[in-house]
PDB file of N, CA and C in Angstrom:
ATOM      1  N   UNK A   1       1.126  -1.273   0.008  1.00  0.00           N
ATOM      2  CA  UNK A   1      -0.002  -0.119   0.151  1.00  0.00           C
ATOM      3  C   UNK A   1       0.882   1.211  -0.053  1.00  0.00           C
ATOM      4  N   UNK A   2       0.423   2.089  -0.528  1.00  0.00           N
ATOM      5  CA  UNK A   2       0.813   3.260  -0.716  1.00  0.00           C
ATOM      6  C   UNK A   2       1.281   4.252   0.885  1.00  0.00           C
ATOM      7  N   UNK A   3       1.742   4.698   1.322  1.00  0.00           N
ATOM      8  CA  UNK A   3       1.557   5.533   2.584  1.00  0.00           C
ATOM      9  C   UNK A   3       1.403   6.960   2.150  1.00  0.00           C
ATOM     10  N   UNK A   4       0.546   7.624   2.900  1.00  0.00           N
ATOM     11  CA  UNK A   4       0.062   9.515   2.813  1.00  0.00           C
ATOM     12  C   UNK A   4       1.598  10.088   2.074  1.00  0.00           C
ATOM     13  N   UNK A   5       2.625   9.688   2.655  1.00  0.00           N
ATOM     14  CA  UNK A   5       3.631  10.496   2.695  1.00  0.00           C
ATOM     15  C   UNK A   5       3.894  10.018   1.067  1.00  0.00           C
ATOM     16  N   UNK A   6       4.292   8.938   0.690  1.00  0.00           N
ATOM     17  CA  UNK A   6       4.571   8.618  -0.765  1.00  0.00           C
ATOM     18  C   UNK A   6       3.609   9.435  -1.711  1.00  0.00           C
ATOM     19  N   UNK A   7       2.312   9.285  -1.252  1.00  0.00           N
ATOM     20  CA  UNK A   7       1.156   9.574  -2.324  1.00  0.00           C
ATOM     21  C   UNK A   7       1.314  11.284  -2.678  1.00  0.00           C
ATOM     22  N   UNK A   8       1.873  12.104  -1.113  1.00  0.00           N
ATOM     23  CA  UNK A   8       1.863  13.286  -1.722  1.00  0.00           C
ATOM     24  C   UNK A   8       3.596  13.277  -2.237  1.00  0.00           C
ATOM     25  N   UNK A   9       3.896  12.804  -2.012  1.00  0.00           N
ATOM     26  CA  UNK A   9       5.621  13.217  -2.904  1.00  0.00           C
ATOM     27  C   UNK A   9       5.493  12.879  -4.443  1.00  0.00           C
ATOM     28  N   UNK A  10       4.461  11.847  -4.822  1.00  0.00           N
ATOM     29  CA  UNK A  10       4.168  11.306  -5.800  1.00  0.00           C
ATOM     30  C   UNK A  10       3.332  12.610  -6.731  1.00  0.00           C
ATOM     31  N   UNK A  11       2.402  13.305  -5.833  1.00  0.00           N
ATOM     32  CA  UNK A  11       1.484  14.257  -6.481  1.00  0.00           C
ATOM     33  C   UNK A  11       2.288  15.218  -6.816  1.00  0.00           C
ATOM     34  N   UNK A  12       3.173  15.646  -5.853  1.00  0.00           N
ATOM     35  CA  UNK A  12       3.963  16.937  -5.943  1.00  0.00           C
ATOM     36  C   UNK A  12       4.918  16.996  -6.813  1.00  0.00           C
ATOM     37  N   UNK A  13       5.444  15.366  -7.330  1.00  0.00           N
ATOM     38  CA  UNK A  13       6.229  15.268  -8.256  1.00  0.00           C
ATOM     39  C   UNK A  13       5.729  15.546  -9.831  1.00  0.00           C
ATOM     40  N   UNK A  14       4.081  15.040  -9.813  1.00  0.00           N
ATOM     41  CA  UNK A  14       3.480  15.277 -10.972  1.00  0.00           C
ATOM     42  C   UNK A  14       3.077  16.440 -10.906  1.00  0.00           C
ATOM     43  N   UNK A  15       2.803  16.879 -10.327  1.00  0.00           N
ATOM     44  CA  UNK A  15       2.443  18.874 -10.105  1.00  0.00           C
ATOM     45  C   UNK A  15       3.426  19.448 -10.702  1.00  0.00           C
ATOM     46  N   UNK A  16       4.938  19.332 -10.389  1.00  0.00           N
ATOM     47  CA  UNK A  16       5.543  19.848 -10.992  1.00  0.00           C
ATOM     48  C   UNK A  16       6.006  19.440 -12.551  1.00  0.00           C
ATOM     49  N   UNK A  17       6.106  18.417 -12.772  1.00  0.00           N
ATOM     50  CA  UNK A  17       6.151  18.004 -14.196  1.00  0.00           C
ATOM     51  C   UNK A  17       5.299  18.867 -15.205  1.00  0.00           C
ATOM     52  N   UNK A  18       3.823  18.655 -14.728  1.00  0.00           N
ATOM     53  CA  UNK A  18       2.740  19.324 -15.637  1.00  0.00           C
ATOM     54  C   UNK A  18       3.103  20.806 -15.275  1.00  0.00           C
ATOM     55  N   UNK A  19       3.425  21.741 -14.559  1.00  0.00           N
ATOM     56  CA  UNK A  19       3.901  23.079 -14.322  1.00  0.00           C
ATOM     57  C   UNK A  19       5.204  23.256 -15.431  1.00  0.00           C
ATOM     58  N   UNK A  20       6.118  22.415 -15.269  1.00  0.00           N
ATOM     59  CA  UNK A  20       7.418  22.700 -16.056  1.00  0.00           C
ATOM     60  C   UNK A  20       6.883  21.983 -17.599  1.00  0.00           C
ATOM     61  N   UNK A  21       6.229  21.432 -18.196  1.00  0.00           N
ATOM     62  CA  UNK A  21       5.626  21.120 -19.335  1.00  0.00           C
ATOM     63  C   UNK A  21       5.134  22.367 -19.751  1.00  0.00           C
ATOM     64  N   UNK A  22       3.906  22.764 -18.919  1.00  0.00           N
ATOM     65  CA  UNK A  22       2.958  23.897 -19.594  1.00  0.00           C
ATOM     66  C   UNK A  22       3.571  25.118 -19.410  1.00  0.00           C
ATOM     67  N   UNK A  23       4.835  25.386 -18.537  1.00  0.00           N
ATOM     68  CA  UNK A  23       5.625  26.506 -18.334  1.00  0.00           C
ATOM     69  C   UNK A  23       4.574  27.420 -17.381  1.00  0.00           C
ATOM     70  N   UNK A  24       4.276  27.013 -16.412  1.00  0.00           N
ATOM     71  CA  UNK A  24       3.530  27.554 -15.442  1.00  0.00           C
ATOM     72  C   UNK A  24       4.597  27.645 -14.237  1.00  0.00           C
ATOM     73  N   UNK A  25       4.412  29.255 -13.914  1.00  0.00           N
ATOM     74  CA  UNK A  25       5.013  29.579 -12.744  1.00  0.00           C
ATOM     75  C   UNK A  25       3.954  29.166 -11.442  1.00  0.00           C
ATOM     76  N   UNK A  26       4.581  29.405 -10.658  1.00  0.00           N
ATOM     77  CA  UNK A  26       3.979  28.928  -9.142  1.00  0.00           C
ATOM     78  C   UNK A  26       3.422  29.946  -8.827  1.00  0.00           C
ATOM     79  N   UNK A  27       3.398  31.430  -8.919  1.00  0.00           N
ATOM     80  CA  UNK A  27       2.437  32.576  -8.662  1.00  0.00           C
ATOM     81  C   UNK A  27       1.754  32.369  -9.683  1.00  0.00           C
ATOM     82  N   UNK A  28       1.694  31.942 -10.885  1.00  0.00           N
ATOM     83  CA  UNK A  28       0.561  32.319 -11.982  1.00  0.00           C
ATOM     84  C   UNK A  28      -0.431  31.466 -11.365  1.00  0.00           C
ATOM     85  N   UNK A  29      -0.534  29.745 -11.169  1.00  0.00           N
ATOM     86  CA  UNK A  29      -0.974  28.872 -10.855  1.00  0.00           C
ATOM     87  C   UNK A  29      -1.714  29.525  -9.545  1.00  0.00           C
ATOM     88  N   UNK A  30      -1.175  29.846  -8.551  1.00  0.00           N
ATOM     89  CA  UNK A  30      -1.640  30.222  -7.206  1.00  0.00           C
ATOM     90  C   UNK A  30      -2.487  31.590  -7.520  1.00  0.00           C
ATOM     91  N   UNK A  31      -2.622  32.240  -8.278  1.00  0.00           N
ATOM     92  CA  UNK A  31      -3.462  33.650  -8.993  1.00  0.00           C
ATOM     93  C   UNK A  31      -4.551  32.570  -9.434  1.00  0.00           C
ATOM     94  N   UNK A  32      -4.285  31.985 -10.526  1.00  0.00           N
ATOM     95  CA  UNK A  32      -5.479  31.135 -11.217  1.00  0.00           C
ATOM     96  C   UNK A  32      -6.305  30.512 -10.493  1.00  0.00           C
ATOM     97  N   UNK A  33      -5.972  29.991  -9.324  1.00  0.00           N
ATOM     98  CA  UNK A  33      -6.474  29.307  -8.311  1.00  0.00           C
ATOM     99  C   UNK A  33      -6.813  29.950  -7.144  1.00  0.00           C
ATOM    100  N   UNK A  34      -6.797  31.043  -6.897  1.00  0.00           N
ATOM    101  CA  UNK A  34      -6.735  31.649  -5.927  1.00  0.00           C
ATOM    102  C   UNK A  34      -6.323  31.224  -4.467  1.00  0.00           C
ATOM    103  N   UNK A  35      -4.996  30.472  -4.605  1.00  0.00           N
ATOM    104  CA  UNK A  35      -4.288  30.189  -3.620  1.00  0.00           C
ATOM    105  C   UNK A  35      -3.047  31.084  -3.244  1.00  0.00           C
ATOM    106  N   UNK A  36      -2.560  30.786  -2.186  1.00  0.00           N
ATOM    107  CA  UNK A  36      -1.123  31.267  -2.041  1.00  0.00           C
ATOM    108  C   UNK A  36       0.176  30.668  -3.061  1.00  0.00           C
ATOM    109  N   UNK A  37       0.931  31.536  -3.066  1.00  0.00           N
ATOM    110  CA  UNK A  37       2.151  30.574  -4.021  1.00  0.00           C
ATOM    111  C   UNK A  37       3.011  29.597  -2.853  1.00  0.00           C
ATOM    112  N   UNK A  38       2.935  29.909  -1.520  1.00  0.00           N
ATOM    113  CA  UNK A  38       3.381  28.996  -0.661  1.00  0.00           C
ATOM    114  C   UNK A  38       2.433  27.953  -0.782  1.00  0.00           C
ATOM    115  N   UNK A  39       1.292  27.955  -0.727  1.00  0.00           N
ATOM    116  CA  UNK A  39       0.100  26.698  -1.040  1.00  0.00           C
ATOM    117  C   UNK A  39       1.041  25.967  -2.013  1.00  0.00           C
ATOM    118  N   UNK A  40       1.061  26.573  -3.150  1.00  0.00           N
ATOM    119  CA  UNK A  40       1.321  25.990  -4.430  1.00  0.00           C
ATOM    120  C   UNK A  40       2.858  25.078  -4.000  1.00  0.00           C
ATOM    121  N   UNK A  41       3.552  25.820  -3.748  1.00  0.00           N
ATOM    122  CA  UNK A  41       5.143  25.430  -3.046  1.00  0.00           C
ATOM    123  C   UNK A  41       4.893  24.134  -2.226  1.00  0.00           C
ATOM    124  N   UNK A  42       3.765  23.999  -1.136  1.00  0.00           N
ATOM    125  CA  UNK A  42       3.847  23.024  -0.618  1.00  0.00           C
ATOM    126  C   UNK A  42       3.325  21.840  -0.905  1.00  0.00           C
ATOM    127  N   UNK A  43       2.307  21.951  -1.896  1.00  0.00           N
ATOM    128  CA  UNK A  43       1.810  20.949  -2.769  1.00  0.00           C
ATOM    129  C   UNK A  43       3.033  20.261  -3.517  1.00  0.00           C
ATOM    130  N   UNK A  44       3.584  21.126  -4.162  1.00  0.00           N
ATOM    131  CA  UNK A  44       5.000  20.497  -5.238  1.00  0.00           C
ATOM    132  C   UNK A  44       5.830  19.972  -4.329  1.00  0.00           C
ATOM    133  N   UNK A  45       5.966  20.352  -3.305  1.00  0.00           N
ATOM    134  CA  UNK A  45       6.812  19.846  -2.195  1.00  0.00           C
ATOM    135  C   UNK A  45       6.516  18.709  -1.579  1.00  0.00           C
ATOM    136  N   UNK A  46       5.273  18.339  -1.895  1.00  0.00           N
ATOM    137  CA  UNK A  46       4.323  17.081  -0.914  1.00  0.00           C
ATOM    138  C   UNK A  46       4.224  17.346   0.723  1.00  0.00           C
ATOM    139  N   UNK A  47       3.959  18.377   0.800  1.00  0.00           N
ATOM    140  CA  UNK A  47       4.078  18.875   2.304  1.00  0.00           C
ATOM    141  C   UNK A  47       2.632  19.092   2.539  1.00  0.00           C
ATOM    142  N   UNK A  48       1.568  19.051   1.460  1.00  0.00           N
ATOM    143  CA  UNK A  48       0.520  19.590   1.703  1.00  0.00           C
ATOM    144  C   UNK A  48      -0.821  18.759   0.762  1.00  0.00           C
ATOM    145  N   UNK A  49      -1.585  18.265   1.630  1.00  0.00           N
ATOM    146  CA  UNK A  49      -2.391  17.597   0.566  1.00  0.00           C
ATOM    147  C   UNK A  49      -3.521  18.174  -0.039  1.00  0.00           C
ATOM    148  N   UNK A  50      -3.838  17.652  -1.155  1.00  0.00           N
ATOM    149  CA  UNK A  50      -4.680  18.818  -2.061  1.00  0.00           C
ATOM    150  C   UNK A  50      -6.189  17.953  -1.560  1.00  0.00           C
ATOM    151  N   UNK A  51      -7.195  18.882  -2.014  1.00  0.00           N
ATOM    152  CA  UNK A  51      -8.485  18.486  -1.733  1.00  0.00           C
ATOM    153  C   UNK A  51      -9.110  17.840  -3.200  1.00  0.00           C
ATOM    154  N   UNK A  52     -10.221  17.619  -3.678  1.00  0.00           N
ATOM    155  CA  UNK A  52     -10.569  16.627  -4.647  1.00  0.00           C
ATOM    156  C   UNK A  52     -10.796  18.121  -5.670  1.00  0.00           C
ATOM    157  N   UNK A  53     -11.386  18.765  -5.364  1.00  0.00           N
ATOM    158  CA  UNK A  53     -11.715  20.464  -5.885  1.00  0.00           C
ATOM    159  C   UNK A  53     -10.080  20.930  -6.386  1.00  0.00           C
ATOM    160  N   UNK A  54      -9.229  21.100  -5.510  1.00  0.00           N
ATOM    161  CA  UNK A  54      -7.688  21.417  -6.304  1.00  0.00           C
ATOM    162  C   UNK A  54      -7.303  20.815  -7.011  1.00  0.00           C
ATOM    163  N   UNK A  55      -7.296  19.508  -6.707  1.00  0.00           N
ATOM    164  CA  UNK A  55      -6.994  18.614  -8.080  1.00  0.00           C
ATOM    165  C   UNK A  55      -7.710  18.662  -9.172  1.00  0.00           C
ATOM    166  N   UNK A  56      -8.777  18.835  -9.241  1.00  0.00           N
ATOM    167  CA  UNK A  56      -9.695  19.010 -10.662  1.00  0.00           C
ATOM    168  C   UNK A  56      -9.233  20.648 -11.253  1.00  0.00           C
ATOM    169  N   UNK A  57      -9.158  21.468 -10.499  1.00  0.00           N
ATOM    170  CA  UNK A  57      -8.844  22.847 -10.865  1.00  0.00           C
ATOM    171  C   UNK A  57      -7.710  22.638 -11.458  1.00  0.00           C
ATOM    172  N   UNK A  58      -6.599  22.205 -10.458  1.00  0.00           N
ATOM    173  CA  UNK A  58      -5.366  22.306 -11.516  1.00  0.00           C
ATOM    174  C   UNK A  58      -5.129  21.410 -12.442  1.00  0.00           C
ATOM    175  N   UNK A  59      -5.993  20.551 -12.636  1.00  0.00           N
ATOM    176  CA  UNK A  59      -6.143  19.149 -14.131  1.00  0.00           C
ATOM    177  C   UNK A  59      -6.660  20.288 -15.013  1.00  0.00           C
ATOM    178  N   UNK A  60      -7.583  21.058 -14.942  1.00  0.00           N
ATOM    179  CA  UNK A  60      -8.488  22.004 -15.818  1.00  0.00           C
ATOM    180  C   UNK A  60      -7.729  23.234 -16.269  1.00  0.00           C
ATOM    181  N   UNK A  61      -7.051  23.590 -15.108  1.00  0.00           N
ATOM    182  CA  UNK A  61      -6.318  25.087 -15.476  1.00  0.00           C
ATOM    183  C   UNK A  61      -5.042  24.469 -16.032  1.00  0.00           C
ATOM    184  N   UNK A  62      -3.920  23.267 -16.066  1.00  0.00           N
ATOM    185  CA  UNK A  62      -3.128  23.375 -16.825  1.00  0.00           C
ATOM    186  C   UNK A  62      -3.483  22.127 -18.340  1.00  0.00           C
ATOM    187  N   UNK A  63      -4.807  22.056 -18.128  1.00  0.00           N
ATOM    188  CA  UNK A  63      -5.024  21.180 -19.378  1.00  0.00           C
ATOM    189  C   UNK A  63      -4.559  19.697 -19.041  1.00  0.00           C
ATOM    190  N   UNK A  64      -4.549  19.242 -18.229  1.00  0.00           N
ATOM    191  CA  UNK A  64      -3.571  17.969 -17.675  1.00  0.00           C
ATOM    192  C   UNK A  64      -4.653  17.040 -17.165  1.00  0.00           C
ATOM    193  N   UNK A  65      -4.487  15.903 -17.389  1.00  0.00           N
ATOM    194  CA  UNK A  65      -5.408  14.658 -17.040  1.00  0.00           C
ATOM    195  C   UNK A  65      -5.486  14.654 -15.640  1.00  0.00           C
ATOM    196  N   UNK A  66      -6.345  14.309 -14.959  1.00  0.00           N
ATOM    197  CA  UNK A  66      -6.585  14.071 -13.477  1.00  0.00           C
ATOM    198  C   UNK A  66      -5.838  12.819 -13.301  1.00  0.00           C
ATOM    199  N   UNK A  67      -5.820  11.956 -13.787  1.00  0.00           N
ATOM    200  CA  UNK A  67      -4.596  10.405 -13.831  1.00  0.00           C
ATOM    201  C   UNK A  67      -3.704  10.686 -13.659  1.00  0.00           C
ATOM    202  N   UNK A  68      -3.104  11.656 -14.816  1.00  0.00           N
ATOM    203  CA  UNK A  68      -1.603  11.637 -14.690  1.00  0.00           C
ATOM    204  C   UNK A  68      -1.240  12.549 -13.318  1.00  0.00           C
ATOM    205  N   UNK A  69      -1.799  13.310 -12.834  1.00  0.00           N
ATOM    206  CA  UNK A  69      -1.791  13.906 -11.424  1.00  0.00           C
ATOM    207  C   UNK A  69      -1.887  13.098  -9.945  1.00  0.00           C
ATOM    208  N   UNK A  70      -2.450  12.024 -10.676  1.00  0.00           N
ATOM    209  CA  UNK A  70      -3.015  10.907  -9.243  1.00  0.00           C
ATOM    210  C   UNK A  70      -2.900   9.411  -9.408  1.00  0.00           C
ATOM    211  N   UNK A  71      -2.746   9.165 -10.872  1.00  0.00           N
ATOM    212  CA  UNK A  71      -1.834   7.643 -10.664  1.00  0.00           C
ATOM    213  C   UNK A  71      -0.579   7.398 -10.880  1.00  0.00           C
ATOM    214  N   UNK A  72      -0.131   6.607 -10.126  1.00  0.00           N
ATOM    215  CA  UNK A  72       1.127   6.312  -9.784  1.00  0.00           C
ATOM    216  C   UNK A  72       1.755   4.979  -9.903  1.00  0.00           C
ATOM    217  N   UNK A  73       0.921   4.453 -11.078  1.00  0.00           N
ATOM    218  CA  UNK A  73       1.293   3.285 -11.408  1.00  0.00           C
ATOM    219  C   UNK A  73       0.599   1.912 -10.344  1.00  0.00           C
ATOM    220  N   UNK A  74       1.644   0.898 -10.116  1.00  0.00           N
ATOM    221  CA  UNK A  74       1.193  -0.159  -9.731  1.00  0.00           C
ATOM    222  C   UNK A  74       0.576  -0.455  -8.358  1.00  0.00           C
ATOM    223  N   UNK A  75       0.806   0.617  -7.248  1.00  0.00           N
ATOM    224  CA  UNK A  75       0.505   0.877  -6.236  1.00  0.00           C
ATOM    225  C   UNK A  75      -1.169   0.381  -5.778  1.00  0.00           C
ATOM    226  N   UNK A  76      -1.116  -0.334  -5.061  1.00  0.00           N
ATOM    227  CA  UNK A  76      -2.828  -0.948  -4.471  1.00  0.00           C
ATOM    228  C   UNK A  76      -3.106   0.053  -3.813  1.00  0.00           C
ATOM    229  N   UNK A  77      -4.457   0.431  -3.590  1.00  0.00           N
ATOM    230  CA  UNK A  77      -4.952   1.234  -2.335  1.00  0.00           C
ATOM    231  C   UNK A  77      -5.767   0.415  -1.379  1.00  0.00           C
TER     232      UNK A  77
END
């Protein structure tokens, strides 16, 4: 089973990848989502658990699939 810490780290890595691919800066995403830049940083660093609304908004704004933000391979939940 994947621990919460592993999930957070994997989500952060996926978010970082999506932001790099779309050339989106932390401040830009924070502004779009109505969040602080420090919250985006905590998500990217695996220090904050996103709620489902945040995951959906990120996927929508970055034009990224939710599965690519949350699917981490063959882990069983």
